[in-house]
Protein backbone atom coordinates (compact mmCIF):
# COMPACT_ATOMS: atom_id res chain seq x y z
CA MET A 1 99.89 134.03 76.08
CA GLN A 2 100.50 131.67 79.00
CA ASN A 3 99.20 127.98 78.33
CA ASP A 4 100.64 126.85 81.71
CA VAL A 5 97.43 127.92 83.53
CA VAL A 6 96.09 127.29 87.15
CA PHE A 7 92.12 127.27 87.73
CA LYS A 8 90.63 127.53 91.32
CA ILE A 9 87.17 126.64 91.47
CA GLY A 10 85.57 127.16 94.56
CA GLY A 11 82.10 127.45 95.92
CA GLU A 12 79.34 125.64 98.30
CA GLY A 13 78.83 121.66 98.14
CA GLY A 14 76.14 121.22 95.90
CA GLU A 15 76.04 124.05 93.35
CA GLY A 16 78.76 121.45 90.81
CA VAL A 17 81.98 122.75 91.97
CA ILE A 18 83.72 119.86 91.47
CA SER A 19 81.89 118.80 88.43
CA CYS A 20 82.20 121.76 86.71
CA GLY A 21 86.01 121.27 87.69
CA GLU A 22 85.72 117.73 86.10
CA PHE A 23 84.20 119.30 82.51
CA VAL A 24 87.17 121.93 82.67
CA THR A 25 89.55 118.95 82.96
CA LEU A 26 88.20 116.61 80.34
CA ALA A 27 88.10 119.70 78.00
CA CYS A 28 91.36 120.50 78.63
CA ALA A 29 92.88 117.04 78.24
CA ARG A 30 91.09 116.31 75.08
CA MET A 31 92.47 119.64 73.68
CA GLY A 32 95.39 117.85 73.99
CA ASN A 33 96.96 119.37 77.33
CA GLU A 34 98.43 117.71 80.33
CA ILE A 35 96.59 118.18 83.25
CA TYR A 36 96.66 117.50 87.40
CA THR A 37 94.15 118.14 89.25
CA PHE A 38 93.48 118.06 93.09
CA ARG A 39 89.93 118.39 94.90
CA SER A 40 88.61 119.04 98.74
CA TYR A 41 85.09 118.62 99.55
CA PRO A 42 82.82 118.64 102.62
CA ALA A 43 82.39 114.91 104.47
CA GLU A 44 78.51 115.70 105.48
CA ILE A 45 75.87 114.88 103.32
CA LYS A 46 74.13 118.79 104.26
CA GLY A 47 76.97 120.20 102.51
CA GLY A 48 79.97 122.97 102.79
CA TYR A 49 83.12 123.75 100.96
CA ALA A 50 84.31 122.50 98.09
CA MET A 51 87.06 123.32 96.21
CA PHE A 52 88.21 121.67 92.27
CA GLN A 53 91.81 122.89 91.44
CA VAL A 54 93.00 121.93 87.91
CA ARG A 55 96.56 122.89 86.23
CA THR A 56 96.66 122.72 82.40
CA SER A 57 99.48 122.76 80.46
CA HIS A 58 101.85 121.55 77.17
CA GLU A 59 104.82 120.80 79.58
CA VAL A 60 104.66 117.63 81.62
CA LEU A 61 103.46 118.70 85.28
CA LEU A 62 104.61 117.50 88.88
CA SER A 63 102.02 119.24 90.92
CA GLN A 64 99.08 121.24 91.43
CA GLY A 65 100.81 124.56 91.25
CA SER A 66 101.22 126.94 94.31
CA SER A 67 99.14 129.90 93.54
CA ALA A 68 96.04 130.42 91.19
CA ASP A 69 95.90 132.15 88.05
CA VAL A 70 92.34 131.63 87.72
CA LEU A 71 90.02 131.88 91.15
CA VAL A 72 86.30 131.43 90.15
CA CYS A 73 84.46 132.32 93.60
CA PHE A 74 80.50 130.48 93.24
CA ASN A 75 80.22 132.79 96.56
CA GLN A 76 81.73 134.63 99.46
CA GLU A 77 83.34 131.86 101.42
CA ALA A 78 85.08 130.91 98.22
CA TYR A 79 86.66 134.82 97.86
CA ASP A 80 87.40 134.42 101.29
CA ARG A 81 88.84 131.53 101.72
CA ASN A 82 91.16 131.71 98.19
CA ILE A 83 91.89 135.15 97.47
CA LYS A 84 95.79 134.99 99.38
CA ASP A 85 96.04 131.91 96.65
CA ILE A 86 96.48 134.44 93.60
CA ARG A 87 99.46 136.43 94.36
CA LYS A 88 100.25 138.18 90.66
CA GLU A 89 99.07 141.27 89.23
CA ASP A 90 98.10 139.13 86.31
CA SER A 91 95.56 136.55 88.17
CA VAL A 92 91.95 136.80 87.54
CA LEU A 93 89.47 136.69 89.76
CA ILE A 94 86.11 135.64 88.37
CA TYR A 95 82.98 135.91 90.80
CA ASP A 96 79.29 135.35 90.87
CA SER A 97 78.67 139.48 91.72
CA THR A 98 74.94 138.14 92.76
CA SER A 99 76.68 136.81 95.93
CA CYS A 100 80.11 138.18 96.37
CA GLN A 101 81.70 141.37 97.33
CA PRO A 102 85.43 141.41 96.62
CA ARG A 103 87.85 143.65 98.81
CA GLU A 104 87.93 147.37 97.27
CA GLY A 105 91.90 147.96 95.44
CA HIS A 106 92.36 144.66 94.81
CA PRO A 107 95.08 144.58 92.03
CA GLU A 108 93.76 141.16 90.30
CA ILE A 109 91.58 141.20 86.67
CA THR A 110 88.44 140.96 87.68
CA TYR A 111 85.31 139.51 85.79
CA PRO A 112 81.55 140.19 87.55
CA ILE A 113 79.08 137.78 86.64
CA PRO A 114 76.11 137.72 88.08
CA ALA A 115 75.74 134.04 87.80
CA SER A 116 72.87 132.95 90.53
CA ASP A 117 70.78 135.74 88.93
CA LEU A 118 71.49 134.64 85.14
CA ALA A 119 70.50 131.02 86.61
CA ARG A 120 67.60 132.10 88.51
CA LEU A 121 66.25 134.89 86.64
CA GLU A 122 66.62 133.60 83.10
CA MET A 123 67.47 130.12 83.29
CA ARG A 124 64.70 129.36 85.61
CA ASN A 125 66.90 126.62 87.24
CA TYR A 126 69.44 127.57 89.74
CA LEU A 127 71.41 124.22 89.02
CA THR A 128 72.78 125.63 86.29
CA LYS A 129 74.89 128.25 87.67
CA ASN A 130 77.90 125.73 87.25
CA VAL A 131 77.40 125.04 83.46
CA ILE A 132 77.29 129.62 83.25
CA PHE A 133 80.66 129.77 85.08
CA LEU A 134 81.45 126.95 82.05
CA GLY A 135 80.94 128.97 79.47
CA VAL A 136 82.24 132.00 81.09
CA LEU A 137 85.97 129.88 80.99
CA SER A 138 85.21 128.73 77.89
CA LYS A 139 84.82 132.32 76.26
CA LEU A 140 87.63 133.85 78.66
CA PHE A 141 90.15 131.31 78.13
CA GLY A 142 89.77 129.42 74.73
CA ILE A 143 88.77 125.92 76.41
CA ASP A 144 86.56 124.45 73.30
CA TYR A 145 82.99 125.33 73.64
CA ALA A 146 82.23 122.22 71.45
CA ILE A 147 84.32 119.75 73.31
CA LEU A 148 82.21 121.18 76.62
CA GLU A 149 79.10 120.08 74.81
CA THR A 150 80.36 116.95 73.84
CA ILE A 151 80.67 116.45 77.32
CA ILE A 152 77.70 117.80 78.94
CA LYS A 153 76.01 115.24 76.68
CA GLN A 154 77.88 112.43 77.58
CA LYS A 155 77.36 113.25 81.34
CA LEU A 156 73.97 114.71 81.40
CA GLY A 157 72.46 112.70 78.06
CA LYS A 158 70.48 110.03 79.73
CA LYS A 159 68.43 112.52 82.28
CA GLY A 160 66.73 113.54 79.12
CA ASP A 161 66.41 116.25 76.29
CA ALA A 162 65.12 118.28 78.61
CA ILE A 163 67.99 118.73 81.16
CA LEU A 164 70.04 118.48 78.05
CA ASN A 165 68.85 121.30 76.41
CA LEU A 166 68.44 123.17 79.64
CA ASN A 167 72.44 123.12 80.23
CA PHE A 168 73.08 123.88 76.20
CA GLN A 169 70.88 127.05 77.06
CA ALA A 170 72.99 127.39 79.97
CA LEU A 171 76.73 127.13 78.77
CA LYS A 172 75.85 129.10 75.95
CA LYS A 173 74.58 132.11 78.18
CA GLY A 174 77.86 132.27 80.09
CA TYR A 175 79.69 132.40 76.81
CA GLN A 176 77.24 135.80 75.49
CA TYR A 177 77.23 137.33 78.86
CA VAL A 178 81.34 137.42 78.58
CA GLU A 179 80.93 138.22 74.57
CA GLN A 180 79.15 141.05 75.17
CA ASN A 181 80.23 142.55 78.31
CA PHE A 182 83.69 142.09 78.68
CA THR A 183 87.14 142.50 76.99
CA LYS A 184 89.57 139.86 77.69
CA LYS A 185 92.31 141.57 79.79
CA ASP A 186 94.85 138.45 81.11
CA PRO A 187 97.37 136.92 79.17
CA TYR A 188 95.92 133.58 79.93
CA PHE A 189 94.88 130.87 77.16
CA VAL A 190 94.07 127.26 77.41
CA VAL A 191 95.96 126.50 73.36
CA PRO A 192 94.71 123.10 72.17
CA GLN A 193 98.25 121.01 71.01
CA LYS A 194 98.73 117.30 69.12
CA SER A 195 99.19 114.79 72.29
CA GLU A 196 99.58 110.97 71.28
CA ASN A 197 99.75 107.72 73.49
CA ARG A 198 98.35 109.92 77.00
CA ILE A 199 95.37 109.02 78.77
CA VAL A 200 93.78 110.70 81.72
CA LEU A 201 93.30 108.80 84.83
CA SER A 202 92.72 109.13 88.35
CA GLY A 203 95.03 107.19 91.11
CA ASN A 204 92.33 104.65 92.29
CA GLN A 205 91.57 104.25 88.56
CA ALA A 206 95.23 103.86 87.37
CA LEU A 207 95.76 101.91 91.03
CA ALA A 208 92.88 99.10 89.96
CA ALA A 209 94.14 98.96 86.42
CA GLY A 210 97.34 98.61 87.79
CA ALA A 211 95.98 95.47 89.67
CA ILE A 212 94.49 93.94 87.00
CA ALA A 213 97.54 93.80 84.85
CA ALA A 214 99.04 92.43 87.64
CA GLY A 215 96.84 89.28 87.33
CA CYS A 216 94.72 90.22 90.51
CA ARG A 217 91.42 87.70 90.28
CA PHE A 218 90.09 88.94 93.89
CA TYR A 219 88.70 91.55 95.19
CA ALA A 220 86.84 92.13 98.69
CA GLY A 221 86.33 95.43 100.71
CA TYR A 222 83.62 98.21 102.30
CA PRO A 223 83.33 101.07 101.58
CA ILE A 224 85.41 103.80 102.66
CA THR A 225 86.23 107.36 101.47
CA PRO A 226 88.57 107.43 99.69
CA ALA A 227 89.28 103.86 98.62
CA THR A 228 85.73 103.72 97.49
CA ASP A 229 86.64 104.23 93.82
CA ILE A 230 88.79 101.11 93.51
CA MET A 231 86.27 98.74 94.54
CA GLU A 232 83.97 100.41 92.24
CA PHE A 233 86.28 100.06 89.05
CA LEU A 234 87.20 96.24 89.95
CA ALA A 235 83.32 95.70 89.98
CA ARG A 236 82.64 96.97 87.03
CA GLU A 237 86.10 95.59 85.27
CA LEU A 238 87.77 92.60 87.04
CA PRO A 239 84.67 90.17 86.07
CA LYS A 240 85.47 90.82 82.52
CA PHE A 241 88.97 89.20 83.12
CA GLY A 242 87.49 86.19 85.17
CA GLY A 243 87.71 87.64 88.71
CA SER A 244 85.44 88.10 91.25
CA VAL A 245 84.56 91.55 93.37
CA VAL A 246 82.92 90.96 97.42
CA GLN A 247 81.39 93.79 98.85
CA ALA A 248 82.07 92.60 102.58
CA GLU A 249 80.17 93.07 105.60
CA ASP A 250 83.25 94.96 107.24
CA GLU A 251 87.05 95.12 106.36
CA ILE A 252 87.44 92.27 109.02
CA ALA A 253 85.76 89.56 106.82
CA ALA A 254 87.38 91.48 103.61
CA LEU A 255 90.67 90.61 104.66
CA SER A 256 89.86 87.11 105.55
CA MET A 257 88.25 86.40 102.25
CA VAL A 258 91.18 87.92 100.45
CA LEU A 259 93.97 86.13 102.66
CA GLY A 260 91.73 82.72 102.10
CA ALA A 261 91.97 83.55 97.72
CA SER A 262 95.28 83.41 98.63
CA TYR A 263 95.45 80.52 99.82
CA THR A 264 93.45 78.76 96.40
CA GLY A 265 96.60 80.31 95.05
CA ALA A 266 94.54 83.46 93.50
CA LYS A 267 96.51 87.27 93.42
CA ALA A 268 93.85 88.79 95.73
CA MET A 269 93.59 92.41 97.09
CA THR A 270 91.90 94.84 99.19
CA ALA A 271 91.88 98.70 99.82
CA SER A 272 90.68 100.86 102.96
CA SER A 273 91.47 104.14 104.55
CA GLY A 274 92.97 104.68 108.35
CA PRO A 275 89.60 102.89 110.18
CA GLY A 276 89.51 99.64 107.94
CA ILE A 277 93.35 99.44 108.12
CA SER A 278 92.91 99.54 111.73
CA LEU A 279 90.54 96.08 111.99
CA MET A 280 92.79 94.49 110.00
CA ALA A 281 95.53 94.37 111.93
CA GLU A 282 95.27 90.58 113.97
CA LEU A 283 95.06 89.38 109.80
CA ILE A 284 98.24 91.05 108.78
CA GLY A 285 99.80 89.12 111.70
CA LEU A 286 97.98 85.97 110.42
CA ALA A 287 99.28 86.39 106.79
CA GLY A 288 102.49 86.75 108.21
CA MET A 289 102.76 83.86 109.97
CA ALA A 290 100.55 81.64 107.59
CA GLU A 291 103.30 83.29 104.52
CA LEU A 292 100.33 83.96 102.33
CA PRO A 293 100.71 86.48 99.71
CA ALA A 294 98.54 89.72 100.20
CA VAL A 295 97.88 93.04 98.99
CA ILE A 296 96.47 96.07 101.06
CA VAL A 297 95.73 99.35 99.80
CA ASP A 298 95.28 102.08 102.59
CA CYS A 299 94.46 105.06 100.81
CA GLN A 300 95.05 107.78 103.61
CA ARG A 301 92.81 110.30 105.21
CA ALA A 302 93.35 112.91 107.89
CA GLY A 303 92.98 110.72 111.56
CA PRO A 304 92.75 109.79 113.99
CA SER A 305 89.30 108.09 114.65
CA THR A 306 86.91 109.47 112.36
CA GLY A 307 88.69 112.42 111.65
CA MET A 308 88.35 114.60 108.00
CA PRO A 309 87.61 111.62 105.45
CA THR A 310 87.86 113.97 102.59
CA LYS A 311 91.24 115.38 103.65
CA THR A 312 94.77 114.22 102.85
CA GLU A 313 97.51 113.19 104.98
CA GLN A 314 100.47 110.78 105.67
CA SER A 315 99.78 110.09 109.13
CA ASP A 316 99.58 105.87 108.64
CA LEU A 317 102.73 105.45 108.21
CA ASN A 318 103.17 104.05 112.24
CA HIS A 319 100.45 102.35 111.83
CA ALA A 320 101.77 100.31 108.56
CA LEU A 321 104.84 99.62 109.84
CA TYR A 322 103.80 98.17 113.25
CA ALA A 323 100.36 97.12 113.37
CA GLY A 324 99.72 94.09 114.73
CA HIS A 325 100.80 92.27 117.93
CA GLY A 326 104.15 90.39 117.86
CA GLU A 327 106.94 90.90 114.58
CA ILE A 328 104.95 90.62 111.32
CA PRO A 329 107.00 90.55 108.57
CA ARG A 330 105.25 92.64 105.55
CA ILE A 331 106.45 95.26 103.47
CA VAL A 332 105.43 98.86 103.23
CA MET A 333 105.35 100.82 100.04
CA ALA A 334 104.31 104.53 98.89
CA LEU A 335 103.05 105.27 95.65
CA SER A 336 104.12 108.89 94.42
CA SER A 337 101.58 109.54 91.17
CA VAL A 338 99.11 108.71 88.89
CA GLU A 339 101.33 106.87 86.91
CA ASP A 340 103.24 104.92 89.68
CA ALA A 341 99.52 103.97 90.97
CA PHE A 342 99.25 101.55 87.98
CA PHE A 343 103.18 100.45 88.15
CA GLY A 344 103.90 100.59 91.79
CA ILE A 345 100.66 97.98 92.83
CA ILE A 346 102.16 95.51 90.04
CA ARG A 347 105.27 95.69 91.68
CA ALA A 348 103.40 94.99 95.13
CA PHE A 349 102.11 92.36 93.68
CA ASN A 350 104.80 91.06 92.57
CA TYR A 351 106.67 91.39 96.00
CA ALA A 352 103.82 89.61 97.45
CA VAL A 353 104.25 86.78 95.54
CA ARG A 354 108.25 86.95 95.70
CA CYS A 355 108.27 87.05 99.54
CA GLN A 356 105.32 85.00 100.63
CA VAL A 357 103.65 88.25 103.05
CA PRO A 358 101.50 91.41 103.49
CA VAL A 359 102.57 94.37 101.29
CA ILE A 360 100.76 97.26 102.75
CA VAL A 361 100.16 100.09 99.73
CA LEU A 362 100.34 103.27 100.99
CA SER A 363 98.08 106.02 98.99
CA ASP A 364 96.38 109.34 99.89
CA GLN A 365 93.13 111.47 99.12
CA TYR A 366 95.62 113.53 97.58
CA LEU A 367 96.45 111.15 95.72
CA ALA A 368 93.70 108.41 94.94
CA GLN A 369 91.06 111.45 93.73
CA ARG A 370 93.55 113.62 91.72
CA THR A 371 93.09 113.22 87.97
CA ALA A 372 96.33 113.18 85.87
CA THR A 373 97.47 112.87 81.87
CA ILE A 374 99.71 109.64 81.97
CA ARG A 375 101.79 107.77 79.25
CA ARG A 376 99.54 105.16 78.08
CA PRO A 377 101.21 102.31 79.71
CA ASP A 378 103.44 100.00 78.02
CA LEU A 379 101.83 96.34 79.03
CA SER A 380 104.63 94.65 77.07
CA LYS A 381 107.42 96.12 79.56
CA VAL A 382 105.80 94.94 82.27
CA VAL A 383 107.50 92.12 84.17
CA ILE A 384 104.59 89.84 86.17
CA GLU A 385 105.81 87.63 88.74
CA GLU A 386 104.26 84.31 90.41
CA ARG A 387 104.97 82.77 93.41
CA ALA A 388 106.97 79.13 94.13
CA LYS A 389 105.60 75.98 93.39
CA PRO A 390 106.85 72.82 94.66
CA SER A 391 108.57 70.67 92.44
CA ALA A 392 107.83 66.83 92.10
CA GLN A 393 110.35 65.80 94.47
CA ASP A 394 109.03 68.36 97.00
CA MET A 395 105.83 66.78 96.96
CA GLU A 396 107.20 63.38 97.78
CA ASN A 397 107.53 64.57 101.50
CA TYR A 398 106.32 68.35 101.36
CA LYS A 399 107.00 70.62 104.22
CA ARG A 400 105.28 73.99 103.68
CA PHE A 401 107.26 75.86 105.56
CA ARG A 402 110.63 74.30 104.34
CA PHE A 403 113.65 76.16 104.95
CA THR A 404 115.71 77.62 102.08
CA GLU A 405 118.52 79.87 101.24
CA THR A 406 115.75 82.70 100.82
CA GLY A 407 113.20 81.92 102.73
CA VAL A 408 110.92 81.39 100.51
CA SER A 409 109.19 77.79 101.01
CA PRO A 410 107.49 76.39 97.56
CA MET A 411 103.67 76.59 98.12
CA ALA A 412 101.29 73.97 96.97
CA LEU A 413 97.92 74.63 95.68
CA PRO A 414 94.47 72.78 97.32
CA GLY A 415 94.18 69.54 95.76
CA GLU A 416 97.60 68.80 94.50
CA LYS A 417 98.65 65.44 95.56
CA GLY A 418 100.69 65.34 98.81
CA GLY A 419 100.35 69.38 98.70
CA VAL A 420 98.04 69.14 101.84
CA TYR A 421 98.73 71.85 104.96
CA THR A 422 97.20 73.88 107.15
CA ALA A 423 97.87 77.76 106.89
CA THR A 424 97.92 78.28 110.56
CA GLY A 425 98.16 81.46 112.38
CA ILE A 426 99.77 79.16 115.20
CA GLU A 427 103.75 78.87 116.10
CA HIS A 428 104.55 75.60 113.87
CA ASP A 429 107.49 73.61 112.32
CA GLU A 430 108.76 73.51 108.68
CA GLY A 431 106.20 70.77 108.19
CA CYS A 432 103.26 72.44 110.02
CA GLU A 433 103.36 70.75 112.88
CA LEU A 434 102.34 72.76 116.10
CA SER A 435 105.44 74.01 118.11
CA TYR A 436 105.95 76.20 120.88
CA GLU A 437 109.47 74.97 121.35
CA PRO A 438 112.17 78.40 121.63
CA GLU A 439 115.08 77.42 118.96
CA ASN A 440 111.89 76.43 116.33
CA HIS A 441 109.88 80.14 117.23
CA GLN A 442 113.09 81.69 116.50
CA ARG A 443 114.29 80.05 113.62
CA MET A 444 111.12 80.25 111.80
CA THR A 445 110.57 84.30 113.36
CA GLU A 446 114.18 84.37 111.15
CA LYS A 447 113.14 82.54 108.32
CA ARG A 448 110.07 84.73 108.23
CA PHE A 449 112.21 87.59 107.85
CA LYS A 450 114.71 86.39 106.33
CA LYS A 451 112.54 86.96 103.34
CA LEU A 452 112.25 90.60 103.20
CA ASN A 453 115.96 90.37 102.05
CA LEU A 454 114.54 89.72 98.25
CA VAL A 455 112.61 93.26 98.29
CA LEU A 456 116.26 95.16 98.43
CA LYS A 457 117.35 93.62 95.14
CA GLY A 458 114.49 94.76 92.89
CA ALA A 459 114.82 97.78 90.48
CA GLU A 460 112.31 100.80 91.04
CA LEU A 461 112.87 101.01 94.83
CA TYR A 462 113.55 104.81 94.45
CA ARG A 463 114.20 107.98 92.60
CA ARG A 464 116.68 110.83 92.72
CA HIS A 465 116.49 114.27 90.92
CA GLY A 466 118.53 117.34 91.70
CA SER A 467 122.10 118.30 91.69
CA GLU A 468 124.87 115.47 91.70
CA ASP A 469 127.20 117.59 94.57
CA GLN A 470 124.32 118.41 96.67
CA GLU A 471 124.92 120.30 99.84
CA ILE A 472 121.11 119.77 100.93
CA GLY A 473 118.90 116.90 100.67
CA ILE A 474 115.19 116.64 101.08
CA VAL A 475 113.56 112.85 101.55
CA GLY A 476 109.84 112.70 100.94
CA TRP A 477 107.68 109.67 100.55
CA GLY A 478 104.58 109.10 98.92
CA SER A 479 102.14 111.22 96.95
CA SER A 480 104.69 114.26 97.23
CA GLU A 481 107.12 113.37 94.77
CA GLY A 482 106.31 115.98 92.23
CA VAL A 483 105.41 118.85 94.44
CA ILE A 484 108.95 118.12 96.16
CA ARG A 485 110.73 117.85 92.58
CA GLU A 486 109.04 120.78 91.49
CA ALA A 487 110.53 122.96 94.14
CA VAL A 488 114.47 121.30 93.57
CA GLU A 489 113.96 122.40 90.24
CA LYS A 490 113.49 125.62 90.94
CA ALA A 491 115.70 125.73 93.91
CA ASN A 492 118.54 124.58 91.84
CA LYS A 493 117.84 127.01 89.02
CA GLN A 494 118.61 129.65 91.74
CA GLY A 495 121.87 128.13 92.24
CA LEU A 496 121.16 126.20 95.53
CA LYS A 497 122.79 123.15 95.78
CA VAL A 498 119.98 120.74 96.22
CA ALA A 499 119.20 116.62 95.59
CA ALA A 500 116.13 114.68 96.81
CA PHE A 501 115.73 111.40 97.51
CA HIS A 502 112.06 109.20 97.19
CA PRO A 503 112.24 105.50 98.35
CA LYS A 504 109.00 103.97 97.14
CA VAL A 505 109.84 101.24 99.75
CA LEU A 506 109.35 102.14 103.20
CA PHE A 507 109.76 98.94 105.16
CA PRO A 508 112.94 97.23 104.63
CA MET A 509 114.38 100.47 104.79
CA LEU A 510 116.63 101.05 101.81
CA PRO A 511 120.24 101.20 102.02
CA GLU A 512 120.83 103.14 99.48
CA LEU A 513 118.88 106.54 101.43
CA GLU A 514 121.38 105.76 104.25
CA VAL A 515 124.08 106.40 101.67
CA PHE A 516 122.27 109.89 99.99
CA ILE A 517 121.65 111.10 103.95
CA LYS A 518 125.40 110.80 104.48
CA SER A 519 126.06 112.90 101.37
CA CYS A 520 124.60 115.63 102.58
CA LYS A 521 125.57 118.38 105.17
CA LYS A 522 121.56 118.84 105.94
CA VAL A 523 118.96 116.68 104.96
CA ILE A 524 114.79 117.65 105.54
CA VAL A 525 112.56 115.06 105.40
CA ALA A 526 108.82 116.41 104.45
CA GLU A 527 105.37 114.66 104.99
CA LEU A 528 101.95 115.55 105.84
CA ASN A 529 101.81 114.50 109.28
CA TYR A 530 102.38 115.64 112.84
CA THR A 531 105.05 114.14 114.23
CA GLY A 532 107.62 113.45 111.53
CA GLN A 533 106.71 109.53 111.59
CA PHE A 534 109.41 108.97 108.82
CA ALA A 535 111.75 111.13 110.00
CA ARG A 536 111.94 109.31 113.33
CA GLU A 537 112.15 105.99 111.40
CA ILE A 538 115.52 107.67 109.86
CA ARG A 539 116.70 108.79 113.07
CA ALA A 540 116.18 105.36 114.78
CA ARG A 541 117.21 103.23 111.81
CA PHE A 542 120.79 105.40 110.68
CA GLY A 543 121.43 107.04 113.85
CA VAL A 544 121.83 110.54 111.81
CA ASN A 545 119.61 113.84 112.96
CA VAL A 546 117.35 114.97 110.23
CA ILE A 547 115.03 118.21 109.87
CA SER A 548 111.35 117.21 110.42
CA HIS A 549 108.89 119.67 107.89
CA THR A 550 105.63 118.33 108.17
CA LYS A 551 102.27 120.16 107.24
CA LEU A 552 98.91 118.81 108.93
CA ALA A 553 96.52 120.69 107.44
CA GLY A 554 94.42 118.33 105.16
CA LEU A 555 95.75 119.82 102.21
CA PRO A 556 98.92 118.72 100.19
CA PHE A 557 102.71 120.44 100.16
CA THR A 558 102.91 123.43 97.45
CA PRO A 559 106.00 123.69 95.31
CA ASP A 560 106.67 127.20 96.59
CA GLU A 561 106.44 125.93 100.71
CA ILE A 562 109.10 123.48 99.66
CA LEU A 563 111.20 125.77 98.24
CA LYS A 564 110.77 128.09 100.88
CA LYS A 565 112.22 125.22 103.63
CA LEU A 566 114.93 124.74 101.03
CA GLU A 567 115.92 128.45 101.12
CA GLU A 568 115.66 128.76 105.13
CA VAL A 569 118.51 125.62 105.24
CA HIS A 570 120.44 126.97 102.55
CA GLU A 571 120.83 130.28 105.06
CA GLN A 572 121.71 128.31 107.90
CA ILE A 573 124.83 126.73 106.11
CA ALA A 574 125.75 129.62 104.23
CA SER A 575 125.75 131.42 108.12
CA LYS A 576 127.83 129.01 109.03
CA VAL A 577 130.54 129.29 106.30
């Protein structure tokens, strides 16, 4: 019996592929199992191919897996696209025999289900097709039937008894069809277990919850895939904590509002994706010049322009590092997991108030809409920082941009006696007076960038995995951490001396990264973009050559893809010995 199972469900958008996957995910989680999901769906309203992948296990999961153990095909396109992803002889193929014809001689264990006919002819409603497949999965793999009934009731109960009962009947129809027509031939089973202190969240939900925990009390944004979930979550939850959410007319207005809220002393945030972040470029400069703390989340999607709105990519790094005219002090972070989305956004708010700069936080579609089981956050261990405030002595002759040892100047709030100042985007001196003098511009620029040194002294700046005496190093950033870690663990078991370095802060660049790179014979930099953006930064910053390993498919890396690259580099080293 194998209880680490990857289910991959594919079909036409509108057939309920995504909701089928979500129901399986919830059921497995409620059975006490770890879960890890990935989804891909069309951007067009008219529909198109959709896919949902969920991996479930008793062990903590690091990735979505490299191949499917159970492939569920709602139609022929799903089969044609995904049959290559079931590679083991005991892999399972479940398909709609009404609309899908598998190739002859395939080695997979198959369960043909006439789901379309069952939905149309017996249920009299084609939309029940996905629930019929749920019943099939319940019977074949032990996904708790009663839990599925509860989930259906919770999700569809508001639609009335007729719809609810129809779906209950469809669930039973799929279950009974397997019971009457098949004997189980595969080794896969979802086994319940006791699981305490675990919760299920998506990356966007974890990020939004972390923002509330960090003290965020103002959010402004404009809807855009895949960031909209953050605004929807906060619109529902932030008012409970005395906060406010505004849907602005565009992303320029959204960041303008965030900077205004920050000026008044509030912790404030916005979130968008590549096109929206582009519109914010000038205001990022204002935040840097006026030294206003702000958190800006970029849920990256495939670009450029409108690109592929529902696909994942890590191609906004250049924009995060350099967007805007002039030289703007900023901190650039990347979130690596659902759990890190919660704690990482807290660090982002701490960096923003500590350094009084804009903090750009990079997520992506793979992480933003991924669902995973995580430990319930222990808020007693969370450190929340607040901005530096002026003392009574400071207020006697208040200078908002006073030169200090760290570069950080105490920030007065509107209405404080003696604390009046202008948060201007024009160059100024330490007392807010406009100044175009060369010496002043040099000194103020140095002051603004000096603050970034405070980030490099913090905790949770990076994570390291693998061998201590590595020959091969691999550097990744953002949502690929778990995938890379799983690949490194496999490589270590094969006897390869491999270690991974995963920076959480991408700018300013960490000195520990240079130490790691120079300790390896070969270093791979893995990222989801075409030009190897972070690899290029490493070469420029540290003067070392690294191997750029990129993928540009709108899909994340798999552990096997990373492992293959590690094995290839190992062979190159071995051939030179």
